[in-house]
């Protein structure tokens, strides 16, 4: 949660920056991750929401590419699917390069700065250490997500993964002492029931050994997706603990650096990597990193301009986007339980966003002039 009793944090996945702030009038951000901020209220809201919608396009494109390279391509050709850790390495390496270029352009180098210009200071080594731990949690989240995309449909993996914001609130309440209302606990419980609906749907009625094997793979994929959401929630709480002094790009840099180091080790230890067989495959692998980085950047700028509540709803457009991509390009038809679970989780997100918006509006109304 934000610093306030009823304002919920707006965090979506390991691609999100923790930028949710009270809606009262604030001076523009002055840290190194400053992007384009519009000062007119209405224009800023529309501009921010437009960027949030565009970030959904790139984020959903990233998961589509992972699903295609890990499963779909092998089904329709003689090529071997790319292992999940190799896909993670492809994303991390490209994202590391892009983040390093942005850091060099902004001349951030290896320092973190206070948001208050009169108190610009390098944060201690402890903050850098926590960012490394955040990188490890982000790498775990990415690896579990990519593993789930090899066993679940694009829509199912996305729906389960989008429980990360709710898990973040629970973990922040436990370790950061942030307030947690009964309404939020109920929302978390409802969403977890929706996840259980997706997880257990193939198990019910399975009798043959083949169907039981398929059910086991499905349950394993659902567990991977939930562990991905949990890992990302831990990463968000770490960013919250470090505070707003950590620029978005520097946080992404640490995540990409840790992932670039860890993913080849895991790839050679547990999987059999393969080189791209064509230029098209190399482009698709690079596209995972580029789309992930652009999704991050657009999300950050959007949150700097739009209010938290409508921004949340825009981010949840990735759920129907995954349905669309799966139906159009992967020939994946969501089952009735999957559609029901998606409706439940989106409804919960809408209720939380509405509650946040009303609380924010009340705080602005009662704030002294």
Protein backbone atom coordinates (compact mmCIF):
# COMPACT_ATOMS: atom_id res chain seq x y z
CA UNK A 1 0.00 0.00 0.00
CA UNK A 2 0.94 3.62 -0.29
CA UNK A 3 1.56 5.64 2.80
CA UNK A 4 -2.11 5.98 3.68
CA UNK A 5 -4.82 3.71 4.96
CA UNK A 6 -6.82 2.99 1.86
CA UNK A 7 -4.56 3.61 -1.09
CA UNK A 8 -3.42 0.39 -2.72
CA UNK A 9 -0.13 0.00 -4.48
CA UNK A 10 -0.26 -0.44 -8.22
CA UNK A 11 2.29 -3.05 -9.15
CA UNK A 12 1.83 -5.54 -11.92
CA UNK A 13 4.85 -7.82 -12.43
CA UNK A 14 8.55 -7.85 -12.46
CA UNK A 15 8.43 -5.30 -15.27
CA UNK A 16 6.74 -2.62 -13.02
CA UNK A 17 8.54 0.21 -11.23
CA UNK A 18 7.27 1.11 -7.77
CA UNK A 19 6.12 4.62 -8.60
CA UNK A 20 2.68 4.81 -7.04
CA UNK A 21 2.46 8.01 -5.05
CA UNK A 22 -0.26 9.98 -3.31
CA UNK A 23 -2.32 11.96 -5.76
CA UNK A 24 -1.87 15.27 -4.00
CA UNK A 25 0.00 17.92 -5.89
CA UNK A 26 3.69 17.13 -6.00
CA UNK A 27 6.67 18.62 -7.68
CA UNK A 28 7.96 16.72 -10.71
CA UNK A 29 10.40 13.88 -10.08
CA UNK A 30 13.99 14.97 -9.99
CA UNK A 31 15.75 11.63 -9.83
CA UNK A 32 17.77 10.15 -12.64
CA UNK A 33 14.84 8.20 -14.05
CA UNK A 34 12.88 11.33 -14.94
CA UNK A 35 11.07 10.92 -18.22
CA UNK A 36 8.43 13.02 -19.92
CA UNK A 37 6.02 14.58 -17.41
CA UNK A 38 3.04 16.67 -18.57
CA UNK A 39 1.94 19.35 -16.11
CA UNK A 40 -1.62 20.03 -17.29
CA UNK A 41 -3.85 17.67 -15.25
CA UNK A 42 -6.23 16.52 -17.99
CA UNK A 43 -3.55 16.26 -20.66
CA UNK A 44 -1.26 14.41 -18.26
CA UNK A 45 -3.99 11.90 -17.39
CA UNK A 46 -4.79 11.15 -21.03
CA UNK A 47 -1.10 11.05 -21.96
CA UNK A 48 -0.30 8.71 -19.07
CA UNK A 49 -3.20 6.36 -19.77
CA UNK A 50 -2.23 6.24 -23.44
CA UNK A 51 1.31 5.21 -22.52
CA UNK A 52 -0.04 2.62 -20.07
CA UNK A 53 -2.11 1.10 -22.87
CA UNK A 54 0.93 1.08 -25.14
CA UNK A 55 2.99 -0.60 -22.42
CA UNK A 56 0.39 -3.39 -22.37
CA UNK A 57 1.03 -3.98 -26.07
CA UNK A 58 4.78 -4.45 -25.55
CA UNK A 59 4.41 -6.48 -22.34
CA UNK A 60 1.92 -8.86 -23.91
CA UNK A 61 4.12 -9.05 -27.00
CA UNK A 62 7.01 -10.22 -24.83
CA UNK A 63 5.03 -13.09 -23.30
CA UNK A 64 3.67 -13.97 -26.75
CA UNK A 65 7.22 -14.29 -28.12
CA UNK A 66 8.24 -16.47 -25.17
CA UNK A 67 5.22 -18.74 -25.63
CA UNK A 68 5.86 -18.98 -29.37
CA UNK A 69 9.56 -19.84 -29.07
CA UNK A 70 9.16 -22.25 -26.16
CA UNK A 71 6.23 -24.34 -27.46
CA UNK A 72 4.25 -23.20 -30.48
CA UNK A 73 7.11 -23.06 -32.98
CA UNK A 74 8.20 -26.64 -32.18
CA UNK A 75 4.65 -27.91 -32.72
CA UNK A 76 4.54 -26.57 -36.25
CA UNK A 77 8.11 -27.29 -37.36
CA UNK A 78 10.91 -29.76 -36.80
CA UNK A 79 12.91 -27.30 -34.69
CA UNK A 80 13.62 -27.88 -31.01
CA UNK A 81 11.94 -25.41 -28.64
CA UNK A 82 14.15 -22.91 -26.88
CA UNK A 83 14.61 -23.75 -23.17
CA UNK A 84 13.20 -21.23 -20.69
CA UNK A 85 16.57 -20.17 -19.27
CA UNK A 86 17.89 -19.41 -22.75
CA UNK A 87 14.86 -17.19 -23.36
CA UNK A 88 15.54 -15.52 -20.01
CA UNK A 89 19.15 -14.93 -21.04
CA UNK A 90 18.06 -13.42 -24.35
CA UNK A 91 15.80 -10.95 -22.59
CA UNK A 92 18.32 -10.12 -19.86
CA UNK A 93 21.24 -9.55 -22.24
CA UNK A 94 19.30 -7.17 -24.49
CA UNK A 95 17.78 -5.38 -21.52
CA UNK A 96 21.20 -5.02 -19.88
CA UNK A 97 22.57 -3.39 -23.01
CA UNK A 98 19.63 -0.98 -23.33
CA UNK A 99 19.68 -0.08 -19.63
CA UNK A 100 23.43 0.54 -19.75
CA UNK A 101 22.99 2.85 -22.73
CA UNK A 102 20.27 4.83 -20.97
CA UNK A 103 22.33 5.06 -17.77
CA UNK A 104 25.31 6.31 -19.79
CA UNK A 105 23.13 8.87 -21.54
CA UNK A 106 21.74 10.09 -18.21
CA UNK A 107 25.19 9.95 -16.60
CA UNK A 108 23.79 8.09 -13.63
CA UNK A 109 26.75 5.72 -13.55
CA UNK A 110 26.62 3.67 -10.34
CA UNK A 111 25.08 6.16 -7.94
CA UNK A 112 21.64 6.41 -6.46
CA UNK A 113 20.40 9.85 -5.60
CA UNK A 114 17.88 11.26 -3.21
CA UNK A 115 14.76 12.66 -4.80
CA UNK A 116 15.32 15.90 -2.92
CA UNK A 117 17.80 17.98 -4.91
CA UNK A 118 19.00 19.72 -1.77
CA UNK A 119 19.91 16.33 -0.31
CA UNK A 120 21.61 14.64 -3.29
CA UNK A 121 23.77 11.90 -1.87
CA UNK A 122 24.96 8.49 -2.89
CA UNK A 123 23.03 5.77 -1.12
CA UNK A 124 25.04 3.30 0.93
CA UNK A 125 26.35 -0.04 -0.24
CA UNK A 126 23.41 -1.60 1.60
CA UNK A 127 21.01 -0.15 -0.98
CA UNK A 128 23.12 -1.58 -3.81
CA UNK A 129 23.10 -4.95 -2.05
CA UNK A 130 19.29 -4.87 -1.80
CA UNK A 131 19.08 -4.05 -5.49
CA UNK A 132 21.16 -7.15 -6.20
CA UNK A 133 18.73 -9.20 -4.08
CA UNK A 134 15.90 -7.55 -6.03
CA UNK A 135 17.67 -8.72 -9.18
CA UNK A 136 17.77 -12.30 -7.88
CA UNK A 137 14.04 -12.19 -7.06
CA UNK A 138 13.30 -10.69 -10.48
CA UNK A 139 15.34 -13.38 -12.19
CA UNK A 140 13.44 -16.08 -10.29
CA UNK A 141 10.15 -14.48 -11.29
CA UNK A 142 11.13 -14.29 -14.94
CA UNK A 143 12.40 -17.89 -14.96
CA UNK A 144 9.25 -19.26 -13.34
CA UNK A 145 7.05 -17.24 -15.71
CA UNK A 146 8.90 -18.50 -18.78
CA UNK A 147 8.71 -22.04 -17.42
CA UNK A 148 4.95 -21.71 -16.94
CA UNK A 149 4.54 -20.49 -20.53
CA UNK A 150 5.92 -23.84 -21.73
CA UNK A 151 3.17 -25.73 -19.88
CA UNK A 152 0.15 -23.38 -19.79
CA UNK A 153 -1.64 -21.39 -22.43
CA UNK A 154 -0.68 -17.72 -22.77
CA UNK A 155 -3.95 -16.64 -21.13
CA UNK A 156 -3.69 -19.01 -18.15
CA UNK A 157 -0.10 -18.06 -17.31
CA UNK A 158 -0.89 -14.34 -17.59
CA UNK A 159 -3.96 -14.56 -15.34
CA UNK A 160 -2.10 -16.36 -12.54
CA UNK A 161 0.91 -14.06 -12.87
CA UNK A 162 -1.30 -11.01 -12.39
CA UNK A 163 -1.91 -11.97 -8.76
CA UNK A 164 1.48 -10.35 -8.05
CA UNK A 165 -0.01 -6.96 -6.97
CA UNK A 166 -2.17 -8.65 -4.33
CA UNK A 167 0.73 -10.74 -3.03
CA UNK A 168 2.84 -7.59 -2.87
CA UNK A 169 0.41 -5.96 -0.46
CA UNK A 170 0.46 -9.01 1.82
CA UNK A 171 4.26 -9.20 1.90
CA UNK A 172 4.60 -5.44 2.41
CA UNK A 173 2.22 -5.65 5.36
CA UNK A 174 4.30 -8.44 6.91
CA UNK A 175 7.80 -7.02 6.39
CA UNK A 176 7.36 -3.25 5.95
CA UNK A 177 4.53 -2.74 8.43
CA UNK A 178 2.22 -1.24 5.81
CA UNK A 179 -1.48 -1.26 6.64
CA UNK A 180 -3.71 -3.94 5.16
CA UNK A 181 -7.49 -3.67 5.26
CA UNK A 182 -9.97 -6.52 5.56
CA UNK A 183 -11.25 -5.58 2.10
CA UNK A 184 -7.81 -6.22 0.63
CA UNK A 185 -7.48 -9.57 2.41
CA UNK A 186 -10.83 -10.61 0.94
CA UNK A 187 -9.69 -9.51 -2.51
CA UNK A 188 -6.54 -11.63 -2.18
CA UNK A 189 -8.53 -14.67 -1.07
CA UNK A 190 -10.96 -14.28 -3.97
CA UNK A 191 -8.13 -14.02 -6.49
CA UNK A 192 -6.40 -17.09 -5.08
CA UNK A 193 -9.62 -19.05 -5.50
CA UNK A 194 -9.64 -17.97 -9.15
CA UNK A 195 -6.06 -19.22 -9.48
CA UNK A 196 -7.10 -22.55 -7.94
CA UNK A 197 -9.89 -22.78 -10.51
CA UNK A 198 -7.35 -22.55 -13.35
CA UNK A 199 -4.90 -24.90 -11.64
CA UNK A 200 -7.32 -27.72 -10.89
CA UNK A 201 -9.54 -27.63 -13.97
CA UNK A 202 -7.74 -30.46 -15.87
CA UNK A 203 -7.39 -32.62 -12.75
CA UNK A 204 -11.13 -32.99 -12.23
CA UNK A 205 -12.38 -35.97 -14.14
CA UNK A 206 -8.95 -37.19 -15.31
CA UNK A 207 -8.82 -40.97 -15.32
CA UNK A 208 -6.42 -42.27 -17.96
CA UNK A 209 -2.67 -42.21 -17.43
CA UNK A 210 -2.28 -39.85 -20.40
CA UNK A 211 -4.77 -37.34 -19.04
CA UNK A 212 -3.26 -37.61 -15.56
CA UNK A 213 0.17 -36.89 -17.03
CA UNK A 214 -1.20 -33.86 -18.87
CA UNK A 215 -2.94 -32.74 -15.69
CA UNK A 216 0.31 -33.01 -13.73
CA UNK A 217 2.09 -30.86 -16.31
CA UNK A 218 -0.73 -28.31 -16.11
CA UNK A 219 -0.60 -28.16 -12.32
CA UNK A 220 3.19 -27.80 -12.44
CA UNK A 221 2.84 -24.92 -14.91
CA UNK A 222 0.28 -23.22 -12.64
CA UNK A 223 2.65 -23.61 -9.68
CA UNK A 224 5.43 -22.04 -11.77
CA UNK A 225 3.18 -19.08 -12.62
CA UNK A 226 2.22 -18.58 -8.98
CA UNK A 227 5.87 -18.80 -7.86
CA UNK A 228 6.66 -16.22 -10.55
CA UNK A 229 4.03 -13.88 -9.08
CA UNK A 230 5.39 -14.48 -5.57
CA UNK A 231 9.00 -13.80 -6.65
CA UNK A 232 7.99 -10.60 -8.39
CA UNK A 233 6.02 -9.49 -5.32
CA UNK A 234 9.17 -9.96 -3.23
CA UNK A 235 11.11 -7.88 -5.75
CA UNK A 236 8.52 -5.08 -5.50
CA UNK A 237 8.70 -5.06 -1.70
CA UNK A 238 12.51 -4.81 -1.87
CA UNK A 239 12.19 -1.82 -4.21
CA UNK A 240 9.70 -0.34 -1.78
CA UNK A 241 12.19 -0.82 1.05
CA UNK A 242 15.01 0.81 -0.90
CA UNK A 243 12.75 3.79 -1.56
CA UNK A 244 12.27 6.30 -4.34
CA UNK A 245 16.00 7.07 -4.45
CA UNK A 246 16.46 4.07 -6.75
CA UNK A 247 15.94 5.15 -10.32
CA UNK A 248 13.86 2.88 -12.50
CA UNK A 249 16.63 2.37 -15.05
CA UNK A 250 19.19 1.50 -12.38
CA UNK A 251 16.81 -1.04 -10.85
CA UNK A 252 16.27 -2.58 -14.28
CA UNK A 253 20.06 -2.59 -14.81
CA UNK A 254 20.62 -4.61 -11.62
CA UNK A 255 17.86 -7.03 -12.58
CA UNK A 256 19.31 -7.50 -16.07
CA UNK A 257 22.87 -7.84 -14.75
CA UNK A 258 21.95 -10.56 -12.23
CA UNK A 259 19.81 -12.36 -14.81
CA UNK A 260 22.55 -12.22 -17.46
CA UNK A 261 24.95 -13.88 -15.02
CA UNK A 262 22.54 -16.44 -13.53
CA UNK A 263 20.59 -17.58 -16.59
CA UNK A 264 23.56 -19.15 -18.50
CA UNK A 265 24.58 -21.04 -15.35
CA UNK A 266 21.06 -22.44 -14.92
CA UNK A 267 20.76 -23.06 -18.66
CA UNK A 268 23.86 -25.26 -18.90
CA UNK A 269 23.18 -26.95 -15.55
CA UNK A 270 19.53 -27.93 -16.12
CA UNK A 271 18.75 -27.57 -19.83
CA UNK A 272 20.20 -28.05 -23.29
CA UNK A 273 20.57 -24.71 -25.07
CA UNK A 274 20.57 -24.31 -28.82
CA UNK A 275 21.66 -21.57 -31.19
CA UNK A 276 19.13 -19.73 -33.36
CA UNK A 277 18.67 -21.65 -36.59
CA UNK A 278 17.91 -18.56 -38.65
CA UNK A 279 18.05 -14.79 -38.62
CA UNK A 280 14.31 -14.74 -37.91
CA UNK A 281 14.81 -16.70 -34.69
CA UNK A 282 17.59 -14.34 -33.63
CA UNK A 283 15.30 -11.35 -34.24
CA UNK A 284 12.51 -12.97 -32.20
CA UNK A 285 14.92 -13.64 -29.32
CA UNK A 286 16.09 -10.03 -29.37
CA UNK A 287 12.47 -8.93 -29.54
CA UNK A 288 11.84 -10.44 -26.09
CA UNK A 289 14.37 -8.06 -24.54
CA UNK A 290 13.37 -5.01 -26.57
CA UNK A 291 9.64 -5.42 -25.90
CA UNK A 292 10.26 -6.04 -22.19
CA UNK A 293 12.39 -2.91 -21.86
CA UNK A 294 9.93 -0.72 -23.80
CA UNK A 295 7.05 -2.06 -21.74
CA UNK A 296 8.95 -1.07 -18.58
CA UNK A 297 9.81 2.41 -19.83
CA UNK A 298 6.28 3.23 -21.06
CA UNK A 299 4.80 1.89 -17.82
CA UNK A 300 7.07 4.14 -15.77
CA UNK A 301 6.32 7.31 -17.73
CA UNK A 302 2.62 6.48 -17.72
CA UNK A 303 2.57 6.13 -13.93
CA UNK A 304 4.34 9.47 -13.63
CA UNK A 305 1.46 11.18 -15.44
CA UNK A 306 -1.72 9.17 -14.72
CA UNK A 307 -3.47 8.59 -11.41
CA UNK A 308 -2.87 5.21 -9.82
CA UNK A 309 -6.41 3.78 -10.00
CA UNK A 310 -7.10 4.12 -13.75
CA UNK A 311 -3.50 3.13 -14.43
CA UNK A 312 -4.19 -0.16 -12.63
CA UNK A 313 -7.12 -0.90 -14.90
CA UNK A 314 -5.08 -0.09 -17.99
CA UNK A 315 -2.39 -2.57 -16.89
CA UNK A 316 -4.99 -5.31 -16.47
CA UNK A 317 -5.76 -4.98 -20.17
CA UNK A 318 -2.86 -7.40 -20.57
CA UNK A 319 -5.17 -10.22 -19.48
CA UNK A 320 -7.64 -9.82 -22.40
CA UNK A 321 -4.64 -9.01 -24.63
CA UNK A 322 -3.21 -12.46 -23.83
CA UNK A 323 -6.56 -14.00 -24.79
CA UNK A 324 -6.47 -12.12 -28.10
CA UNK A 325 -2.87 -13.04 -28.99
CA UNK A 326 -3.45 -16.68 -28.04
CA UNK A 327 -6.60 -16.91 -30.15
CA UNK A 328 -5.22 -15.00 -33.16
CA UNK A 329 -1.70 -16.36 -33.44
CA UNK A 330 -1.42 -19.50 -31.30
CA UNK A 331 -4.82 -21.10 -31.87
CA UNK A 332 -5.46 -21.25 -28.12
CA UNK A 333 -9.10 -21.13 -27.02
CA UNK A 334 -9.65 -20.29 -23.34
CA UNK A 335 -11.89 -22.68 -21.44
CA UNK A 336 -14.94 -21.52 -19.43
CA UNK A 337 -13.07 -21.89 -16.08
CA UNK A 338 -10.22 -19.76 -17.47
CA UNK A 339 -12.65 -17.07 -18.63
CA UNK A 340 -14.36 -17.15 -15.23
CA UNK A 341 -11.06 -16.79 -13.38
CA UNK A 342 -10.04 -13.88 -15.61
CA UNK A 343 -13.35 -12.13 -14.96
CA UNK A 344 -12.94 -12.59 -11.19
CA UNK A 345 -9.39 -11.23 -11.07
CA UNK A 346 -10.20 -8.23 -13.30
CA UNK A 347 -13.30 -7.49 -11.18
CA UNK A 348 -11.19 -7.59 -8.01
CA UNK A 349 -8.63 -5.24 -9.59
CA UNK A 350 -11.42 -2.86 -10.67
CA UNK A 351 -12.89 -2.83 -7.15
CA UNK A 352 -9.50 -2.09 -5.60
CA UNK A 353 -8.78 0.63 -8.17
CA UNK A 354 -12.17 2.24 -7.53
CA UNK A 355 -11.55 2.17 -3.78
CA UNK A 356 -8.11 3.70 -4.27
CA UNK A 357 -9.47 6.44 -6.52
CA UNK A 358 -12.20 7.41 -4.03
CA UNK A 359 -9.72 7.50 -1.13
CA UNK A 360 -7.34 9.62 -3.21
CA UNK A 361 -10.16 12.01 -4.17
CA UNK A 362 -11.16 12.38 -0.50
CA UNK A 363 -7.57 13.15 0.49
CA UNK A 364 -7.33 15.85 -2.19
CA UNK A 365 -10.66 17.34 -1.11
CA UNK A 366 -9.74 17.51 2.56
CA UNK A 367 -6.13 18.61 1.98
CA UNK A 368 -5.42 22.19 3.16
CA UNK A 369 -5.04 24.75 0.42
